[in-house]
Amino acid sequence: MADTTQSLKLTSEGAFKLLQAAMAKAREMNVPQCISVVDASGQLLAFARMDGAFALSIETSLAKAMTAAIYGLPTGNIAAGLDLKLAIATQGKRINLPGGMPVIIDGHVVGGIGVGSGTSEQDRQVAAAALGALAGAKQL
């Protein structure tokens, strides 16, 4: 067994591609959004609060992105009850609101995108559309 492994890393350029694609989809839908893009460890790489997006969605978009990146799964699919326990245990950093998507390239989670300020379905659609802007990103 090897002591090290190669890994992929989401660059700032890739993060801005995701951000721009998400903003374009939000404009197309006429739904201003807060959009956060994080690396695989959940650290913020890019963010935008579109004109008219709710200020409190700044926090939820970041929590969605962090959750999706760290767990490698879209947000919104945790069983009721367990989601509250995880939120409490992580001091609100683990969130179950829809709108977070992991960024997966060649089977490696390289980051996450979180969208907030619309309905759950609008947030999910904007996040999913952003993944299409990154070459090789897995569509979820």
Protein backbone atom coordinates (compact mmCIF):
# COMPACT_ATOMS: atom_id res chain seq x y z
CA MET A 1 0.00 0.00 0.00
CA ALA A 2 1.34 3.43 -0.95
CA ASP A 3 2.04 6.11 1.62
CA THR A 4 0.78 8.88 -0.65
CA THR A 5 -1.69 9.32 -3.47
CA GLN A 6 -2.28 11.85 -6.17
CA SER A 7 -5.40 13.93 -5.91
CA LEU A 8 -7.28 16.47 -7.97
CA LYS A 9 -7.80 20.01 -6.73
CA LEU A 10 -10.48 22.53 -7.69
CA THR A 11 -8.71 25.69 -8.81
CA SER A 12 -9.93 29.23 -8.36
CA GLU A 13 -10.51 29.31 -12.14
CA GLY A 14 -12.72 26.23 -11.87
CA ALA A 15 -14.55 27.73 -8.90
CA PHE A 16 -15.29 30.90 -10.89
CA LYS A 17 -16.57 28.82 -13.83
CA LEU A 18 -19.03 27.17 -11.45
CA LEU A 19 -19.99 30.53 -9.98
CA GLN A 20 -20.55 32.17 -13.37
CA ALA A 21 -22.63 29.22 -14.64
CA ALA A 22 -24.76 29.25 -11.49
CA MET A 23 -25.33 33.00 -11.80
CA ALA A 24 -26.30 32.61 -15.47
CA LYS A 25 -28.87 29.92 -14.58
CA ALA A 26 -30.24 32.04 -11.71
CA ARG A 27 -30.63 35.03 -14.06
CA GLU A 28 -32.35 32.81 -16.64
CA MET A 29 -34.78 31.68 -13.93
CA ASN A 30 -35.13 35.26 -12.64
CA VAL A 31 -34.24 34.08 -9.11
CA PRO A 32 -31.40 36.02 -7.43
CA GLN A 33 -29.20 33.68 -5.42
CA CYS A 34 -26.36 33.47 -2.95
CA ILE A 35 -23.80 31.03 -4.36
CA SER A 36 -20.81 29.54 -2.54
CA VAL A 37 -18.09 27.33 -4.03
CA VAL A 38 -15.72 25.48 -1.71
CA ASP A 39 -12.77 23.11 -2.08
CA ALA A 40 -12.85 19.47 -0.95
CA SER A 41 -12.20 20.45 2.68
CA GLY A 42 -15.04 22.97 2.69
CA GLN A 43 -12.94 26.13 2.46
CA LEU A 44 -14.49 28.98 0.46
CA LEU A 45 -13.04 29.59 -3.02
CA ALA A 46 -15.71 31.80 -4.62
CA PHE A 47 -18.90 33.54 -3.57
CA ALA A 48 -21.53 35.88 -4.99
CA ARG A 49 -24.67 37.42 -3.57
CA MET A 50 -26.75 38.47 -6.52
CA ASP A 51 -28.76 41.69 -6.27
CA GLY A 52 -32.01 40.85 -4.51
CA ALA A 53 -30.84 37.62 -2.87
CA PHE A 54 -31.67 37.18 0.83
CA ALA A 55 -28.80 38.14 3.15
CA LEU A 56 -29.36 35.13 5.43
CA SER A 57 -28.83 32.86 2.44
CA ILE A 58 -25.14 33.79 2.55
CA GLU A 59 -24.77 31.43 5.52
CA THR A 60 -26.97 28.65 4.17
CA SER A 61 -25.32 28.62 0.74
CA LEU A 62 -21.92 28.18 2.40
CA ALA A 63 -23.20 25.45 4.74
CA LYS A 64 -24.76 23.62 1.77
CA ALA A 65 -21.50 23.78 -0.20
CA MET A 66 -19.44 22.61 2.79
CA THR A 67 -21.81 19.74 3.52
CA ALA A 68 -21.87 18.56 -0.10
CA ALA A 69 -18.07 18.70 -0.40
CA ILE A 70 -17.27 17.03 2.89
CA TYR A 71 -19.83 14.22 2.56
CA GLY A 72 -19.62 13.90 -1.24
CA LEU A 73 -23.40 13.90 -1.52
CA PRO A 74 -26.12 16.35 -2.53
CA THR A 75 -27.81 18.03 0.40
CA GLY A 76 -31.45 17.48 1.26
CA ASN A 77 -31.55 13.68 1.47
CA ILE A 78 -30.94 12.93 5.16
CA ALA A 79 -33.75 11.33 7.13
CA ALA A 80 -35.78 13.65 9.35
CA GLY A 81 -34.52 13.55 12.92
CA LEU A 82 -31.02 12.46 11.96
CA ASP A 83 -30.59 15.74 10.08
CA LEU A 84 -31.29 17.73 13.27
CA LYS A 85 -28.89 15.63 15.31
CA LEU A 86 -26.12 16.16 12.75
CA ALA A 87 -26.82 19.91 12.62
CA ILE A 88 -26.58 20.14 16.41
CA ALA A 89 -23.45 17.98 16.58
CA THR A 90 -21.69 20.14 13.97
CA GLN A 91 -22.95 23.44 15.38
CA GLY A 92 -25.01 24.08 12.26
CA LYS A 93 -22.25 23.33 9.76
CA ARG A 94 -23.95 20.14 8.55
CA ILE A 95 -27.13 21.20 6.78
CA ASN A 96 -29.85 19.19 5.08
CA LEU A 97 -31.45 21.91 2.96
CA PRO A 98 -31.52 21.13 -0.79
CA GLY A 99 -29.20 23.17 -3.00
CA GLY A 100 -25.77 21.75 -2.22
CA MET A 101 -23.95 19.58 -4.76
CA PRO A 102 -20.53 17.95 -4.55
CA VAL A 103 -18.16 18.62 -7.42
CA ILE A 104 -16.90 15.19 -8.47
CA ILE A 105 -14.26 14.74 -11.19
CA ASP A 106 -13.00 11.27 -12.16
CA GLY A 107 -14.50 9.83 -8.98
CA HIS A 108 -12.76 12.40 -6.73
CA VAL A 109 -14.67 14.98 -4.71
CA VAL A 110 -12.83 18.23 -5.48
CA GLY A 111 -15.31 20.66 -3.95
CA GLY A 112 -18.91 21.65 -3.50
CA ILE A 113 -21.37 24.30 -4.60
CA GLY A 114 -24.18 25.63 -2.43
CA VAL A 115 -27.06 27.80 -3.59
CA GLY A 116 -29.63 29.56 -1.46
CA SER A 117 -32.35 32.20 -1.73
CA GLY A 118 -34.88 30.48 -3.95
CA THR A 119 -37.14 27.53 -3.29
CA SER A 120 -35.48 24.19 -2.59
CA GLU A 121 -36.05 23.10 -6.20
CA GLN A 122 -34.73 26.39 -7.63
CA ASP A 123 -31.60 26.15 -5.47
CA ARG A 124 -31.05 22.55 -6.62
CA GLN A 125 -31.54 23.46 -10.29
CA VAL A 126 -29.02 26.31 -10.13
CA ALA A 127 -26.42 24.11 -8.40
CA ALA A 128 -26.95 21.29 -10.90
CA ALA A 129 -26.65 23.67 -13.86
CA ALA A 130 -23.32 24.93 -12.56
CA LEU A 131 -21.82 21.43 -12.66
CA GLY A 132 -22.33 21.42 -16.43
CA ALA A 133 -19.78 24.21 -16.79
CA LEU A 134 -16.89 22.14 -15.46
CA ALA A 135 -15.34 19.60 -17.82
CA GLY A 136 -15.76 16.06 -16.49
CA ALA A 137 -17.96 17.00 -13.54
CA LYS A 138 -20.37 14.27 -12.54
CA GLN A 139 -24.01 15.28 -12.93
CA LEU A 140 -26.08 14.27 -9.89
